[in-house]
Amino acid sequence: MPVLVITGTGTEVGKTVTTAAVAASALAAGRSVAVLKAAQTGVRPDEPGDADEVARLAGAVTAAELARYPEPLAPATAARRAGRAPVRPPDVAEAAAKLSTDHDLVLVEGAGGLLVRFDAAGGTLADVAGLLTAPVLVVASAGLGTLNTTELTARELRSRGLDLAGVVIGSWPKAPDLASRCNLADLPDVSGAPLLGALPAGAGALAPAGFRAAAPGWLAPRLDGTWDAEAFRRRESP
């Protein structure tokens, strides 16, 4: 798995922190890691972006960003309003492929959900995954509504012949409600893919050393972790 594409079922689901956890776990396993942010929006030129945040939390990763736009909008809209060239899927795929020649693992983080547009032609992160023939990790929310968005994302991936590696819950609440606990069984069912982790709420606020030490315990062995989905489900399910 030299390239892994990471998408969310929407915005604010914990995608960047999950990317950092995957990177930290891979580093702990002795792998070299690069993180590529295809299009960063809503950040000034002098501010750290998502790739920088992954590096801060995870450690010695190569952080790369293809384009940055100041307004917090979908990349195609943000590029148009800024009067700048958009990012196109072939550009992202080429950059990821180049990084993969020098790294054991390249994590390509999208913006928002799978079908958020990069350009006026409708290019998306799904197109990037197709060009790379790379598996896609879906980061989902824990609670009510997540089953619909997760299933829609999984169906779109499969309709394109793309490999859904699994689902990670990007923020598991300290006091999960009934819907969240039931979703532990239902998410693999609706997605047709394994649950590969659950990050505790507030994980991104940990000090980097604590984050790196804890990250493997949040992710399944396929992601270089030690997290046991069945044991977690037994403990948390109603």
Protein backbone atom coordinates (compact mmCIF):
# COMPACT_ATOMS: atom_id res chain seq x y z
CA MET A 1 0.00 0.00 0.00
CA PRO A 2 2.53 2.66 -1.13
CA VAL A 3 -0.23 5.29 -1.60
CA LEU A 4 -3.33 5.61 0.57
CA VAL A 5 -5.98 8.20 -0.26
CA ILE A 6 -7.82 9.55 2.78
CA THR A 7 -11.23 11.14 2.42
CA GLY A 8 -14.04 12.08 4.76
CA THR A 9 -17.77 11.63 4.60
CA GLY A 10 -17.92 15.42 4.92
CA THR A 11 -16.14 18.27 6.64
CA GLU A 12 -15.07 18.33 10.30
CA VAL A 13 -15.10 14.55 10.73
CA GLY A 14 -11.50 14.27 11.92
CA LYS A 15 -9.79 13.61 8.60
CA THR A 16 -6.56 15.49 9.30
CA VAL A 17 -6.12 14.04 12.78
CA THR A 18 -6.79 10.58 11.37
CA THR A 19 -4.18 11.19 8.68
CA ALA A 20 -1.74 12.16 11.44
CA ALA A 21 -2.55 8.98 13.37
CA VAL A 22 -1.99 6.81 10.29
CA ALA A 23 1.31 8.60 9.67
CA ALA A 24 2.42 8.24 13.29
CA SER A 25 1.60 4.53 13.33
CA ALA A 26 3.50 3.95 10.10
CA LEU A 27 6.51 5.84 11.43
CA ALA A 28 6.42 3.78 14.62
CA ALA A 29 6.48 0.66 12.43
CA GLY A 30 9.67 1.91 10.79
CA ARG A 31 8.18 3.18 7.54
CA SER A 32 9.03 6.46 5.83
CA VAL A 33 5.96 8.61 5.24
CA ALA A 34 4.96 11.54 3.05
CA VAL A 35 1.71 13.49 3.40
CA LEU A 36 0.28 15.28 0.39
CA LYS A 37 -2.50 17.84 0.78
CA ALA A 38 -3.98 18.26 -2.65
CA ALA A 39 -5.68 21.61 -2.06
CA GLN A 40 -5.58 23.63 1.14
CA THR A 41 -8.38 26.15 1.58
CA GLY A 42 -9.22 28.68 4.24
CA VAL A 43 -5.63 29.28 5.35
CA ARG A 44 -3.44 32.35 4.89
CA PRO A 45 0.00 32.00 3.26
CA ASP A 46 1.73 32.43 6.64
CA GLU A 47 -0.45 29.91 8.51
CA PRO A 48 0.24 26.19 8.88
CA GLY A 49 -2.03 24.00 6.81
CA ASP A 50 -3.33 20.46 7.27
CA ALA A 51 -0.10 18.84 6.05
CA ASP A 52 1.84 20.92 8.59
CA GLU A 53 -0.55 19.82 11.33
CA VAL A 54 0.00 16.19 10.38
CA ALA A 55 3.76 16.72 10.61
CA ARG A 56 3.42 18.47 13.98
CA LEU A 57 1.46 15.60 15.46
CA ALA A 58 3.04 12.63 13.72
CA GLY A 59 6.71 13.58 13.55
CA ALA A 60 9.24 13.13 10.76
CA VAL A 61 7.02 13.06 7.70
CA THR A 62 7.55 14.82 4.39
CA ALA A 63 4.73 17.37 4.19
CA ALA A 64 3.68 18.64 0.77
CA GLU A 65 0.89 20.91 -0.46
CA LEU A 66 -0.01 21.50 -4.10
CA ALA A 67 -2.11 24.64 -3.83
CA ARG A 68 -3.49 27.01 -1.23
CA TYR A 69 -6.50 29.28 -1.44
CA PRO A 70 -7.50 31.81 1.22
CA GLU A 71 -11.26 31.27 1.48
CA PRO A 72 -12.75 28.24 3.33
CA LEU A 73 -14.63 26.89 0.32
CA ALA A 74 -14.53 23.88 -1.97
CA PRO A 75 -11.20 23.97 -3.88
CA ALA A 76 -12.78 24.69 -7.28
CA THR A 77 -14.78 27.60 -5.87
CA ALA A 78 -11.89 28.90 -3.78
CA ALA A 79 -9.55 28.81 -6.80
CA ARG A 80 -12.06 30.60 -9.02
CA ARG A 81 -12.72 33.34 -6.47
CA ALA A 82 -9.01 33.83 -5.85
CA GLY A 83 -8.30 34.07 -9.57
CA ARG A 84 -5.79 31.23 -9.30
CA ALA A 85 -5.22 28.04 -11.23
CA PRO A 86 -7.08 25.07 -9.78
CA VAL A 87 -5.56 21.76 -8.78
CA ARG A 88 -6.32 18.97 -11.25
CA PRO A 89 -6.41 15.25 -10.47
CA PRO A 90 -3.48 14.40 -12.79
CA ASP A 91 -1.35 16.96 -10.90
CA VAL A 92 -2.18 15.32 -7.58
CA ALA A 93 -1.55 11.83 -8.91
CA GLU A 94 1.78 12.85 -10.40
CA ALA A 95 2.92 14.46 -7.16
CA ALA A 96 1.90 11.39 -5.14
CA ALA A 97 3.66 9.04 -7.53
CA LYS A 98 6.87 11.07 -7.27
CA LEU A 99 6.72 11.02 -3.46
CA SER A 100 6.17 7.25 -3.51
CA THR A 101 9.58 6.72 -5.12
CA ASP A 102 11.29 7.95 -1.95
CA HIS A 103 8.79 6.92 0.76
CA ASP A 104 7.26 3.67 1.94
CA LEU A 105 3.85 5.30 2.35
CA VAL A 106 2.25 8.37 0.80
CA LEU A 107 -0.95 9.67 2.37
CA VAL A 108 -3.05 11.83 0.04
CA GLU A 109 -5.52 13.89 2.04
CA GLY A 110 -8.50 15.35 0.26
CA ALA A 111 -10.64 18.36 1.07
CA GLY A 112 -14.02 17.55 2.60
CA GLY A 113 -15.74 14.58 0.99
CA LEU A 114 -14.90 12.28 -1.89
CA LEU A 115 -16.69 14.27 -4.61
CA VAL A 116 -15.69 17.80 -3.60
CA ARG A 117 -14.56 19.41 -6.84
CA PHE A 118 -10.98 20.48 -7.46
CA ASP A 119 -11.62 22.21 -10.78
CA ALA A 120 -14.32 23.45 -13.14
CA ALA A 121 -14.14 20.18 -15.08
CA GLY A 122 -15.41 18.32 -12.03
CA GLY A 123 -12.19 16.56 -11.05
CA THR A 124 -12.34 15.02 -7.58
CA LEU A 125 -10.34 12.97 -5.10
CA ALA A 126 -12.06 9.88 -6.49
CA ASP A 127 -10.41 10.64 -9.83
CA VAL A 128 -7.05 10.90 -8.07
CA ALA A 129 -7.54 7.47 -6.48
CA GLY A 130 -8.46 6.05 -9.86
CA LEU A 131 -5.36 7.46 -11.55
CA LEU A 132 -3.19 6.01 -8.79
CA THR A 133 -5.17 2.76 -8.43
CA ALA A 134 -4.81 3.50 -4.72
CA PRO A 135 -7.03 2.26 -1.88
CA VAL A 136 -9.22 4.82 -0.13
CA LEU A 137 -9.66 5.16 3.63
CA VAL A 138 -12.93 6.79 4.65
CA VAL A 139 -13.09 8.86 7.83
CA ALA A 140 -16.60 9.01 9.24
CA SER A 141 -18.33 10.66 12.16
CA ALA A 142 -19.63 8.55 15.03
CA GLY A 143 -23.22 9.59 15.51
CA LEU A 144 -26.61 9.96 13.91
CA GLY A 145 -26.46 10.51 10.14
CA THR A 146 -23.15 8.82 9.55
CA LEU A 147 -24.63 5.64 8.09
CA ASN A 148 -26.13 7.48 5.13
CA THR A 149 -23.02 9.50 4.24
CA THR A 150 -20.74 6.51 4.73
CA GLU A 151 -22.86 4.24 2.53
CA LEU A 152 -23.09 6.89 -0.19
CA THR A 153 -19.30 7.28 -0.16
CA ALA A 154 -18.77 3.50 -0.26
CA ARG A 155 -21.22 3.09 -3.15
CA GLU A 156 -19.51 5.81 -5.16
CA LEU A 157 -16.10 4.20 -4.64
CA ARG A 158 -17.38 0.81 -5.76
CA SER A 159 -19.22 2.25 -8.75
CA ARG A 160 -15.82 3.51 -9.93
CA GLY A 161 -14.09 0.21 -9.25
CA LEU A 162 -12.03 1.70 -6.42
CA ASP A 163 -10.79 -0.17 -3.36
CA LEU A 164 -12.36 0.91 -0.07
CA ALA A 165 -9.69 0.00 2.47
CA GLY A 166 -11.94 0.58 5.45
CA VAL A 167 -13.59 3.12 7.71
CA VAL A 168 -12.14 5.01 10.67
CA ILE A 169 -14.28 6.94 13.13
CA GLY A 170 -12.53 10.28 13.31
CA SER A 171 -13.77 11.31 16.76
CA TRP A 172 -15.20 8.83 19.22
CA PRO A 173 -17.08 10.67 22.00
CA LYS A 174 -16.13 10.33 25.65
CA ALA A 175 -19.79 9.61 26.39
CA PRO A 176 -21.17 8.01 23.21
CA ASP A 177 -24.91 8.09 22.69
CA LEU A 178 -27.03 5.15 21.57
CA ALA A 179 -26.68 5.95 17.86
CA SER A 180 -22.89 6.08 18.09
CA ARG A 181 -22.70 2.76 19.90
CA CYS A 182 -25.05 1.06 17.44
CA ASN A 183 -23.05 2.45 14.54
CA LEU A 184 -20.06 0.34 15.53
CA ALA A 185 -21.91 -2.68 14.16
CA ASP A 186 -23.75 -0.83 11.40
CA LEU A 187 -20.85 1.05 9.77
CA PRO A 188 -19.11 -2.08 8.47
CA ASP A 189 -22.48 -3.38 7.30
CA VAL A 190 -23.46 -0.31 5.26
CA SER A 191 -19.96 0.30 3.90
CA GLY A 192 -19.08 -3.31 3.14
CA ALA A 193 -15.64 -2.62 4.59
CA PRO A 194 -13.97 -3.18 7.95
CA LEU A 195 -13.86 -0.69 10.76
CA LEU A 196 -10.16 0.11 11.02
CA GLY A 197 -10.06 2.44 13.99
CA ALA A 198 -11.65 4.99 16.25
CA LEU A 199 -9.83 8.09 17.43
CA PRO A 200 -10.85 9.52 20.78
CA ALA A 201 -12.45 12.95 20.75
CA GLY A 202 -9.82 15.60 21.33
CA ALA A 203 -6.93 13.48 20.07
CA GLY A 204 -5.60 16.39 18.04
CA ALA A 205 -5.19 18.47 21.19
CA LEU A 206 -2.69 16.03 22.70
CA ALA A 207 0.96 16.97 22.90
CA PRO A 208 2.83 15.49 19.95
CA ALA A 209 4.74 12.96 22.07
CA GLY A 210 1.53 11.70 23.63
CA PHE A 211 -0.22 11.59 20.26
CA ARG A 212 2.56 9.52 18.68
CA ALA A 213 2.64 7.09 21.57
CA ALA A 214 -1.12 6.58 21.56
CA ALA A 215 -1.82 6.54 17.80
CA PRO A 216 -1.16 2.82 17.14
CA GLY A 217 -3.74 1.96 19.78
CA TRP A 218 -6.42 3.79 17.80
CA LEU A 219 -5.86 1.94 14.51
CA ALA A 220 -6.15 -1.65 13.32
CA PRO A 221 -3.16 -3.76 12.26
CA ARG A 222 -3.80 -3.00 8.57
CA LEU A 223 -2.89 0.59 9.46
CA ASP A 224 0.16 -0.46 11.52
CA GLY A 225 -1.79 -0.31 14.77
CA THR A 226 -2.96 -2.62 17.52
CA TRP A 227 -6.63 -1.62 17.79
CA ASP A 228 -9.05 -4.55 18.01
CA ALA A 229 -12.37 -3.70 16.37
CA GLU A 230 -14.26 -6.60 17.94
CA ALA A 231 -13.00 -5.89 21.45
CA PHE A 232 -13.87 -2.19 21.04
CA ARG A 233 -17.33 -3.09 19.77
CA ARG A 234 -17.99 -5.45 22.68
CA ARG A 235 -16.95 -2.78 25.16
CA GLU A 236 -18.90 0.09 23.63
CA SER A 237 -21.96 -1.48 22.01
CA PRO A 238 -25.37 -1.30 23.77
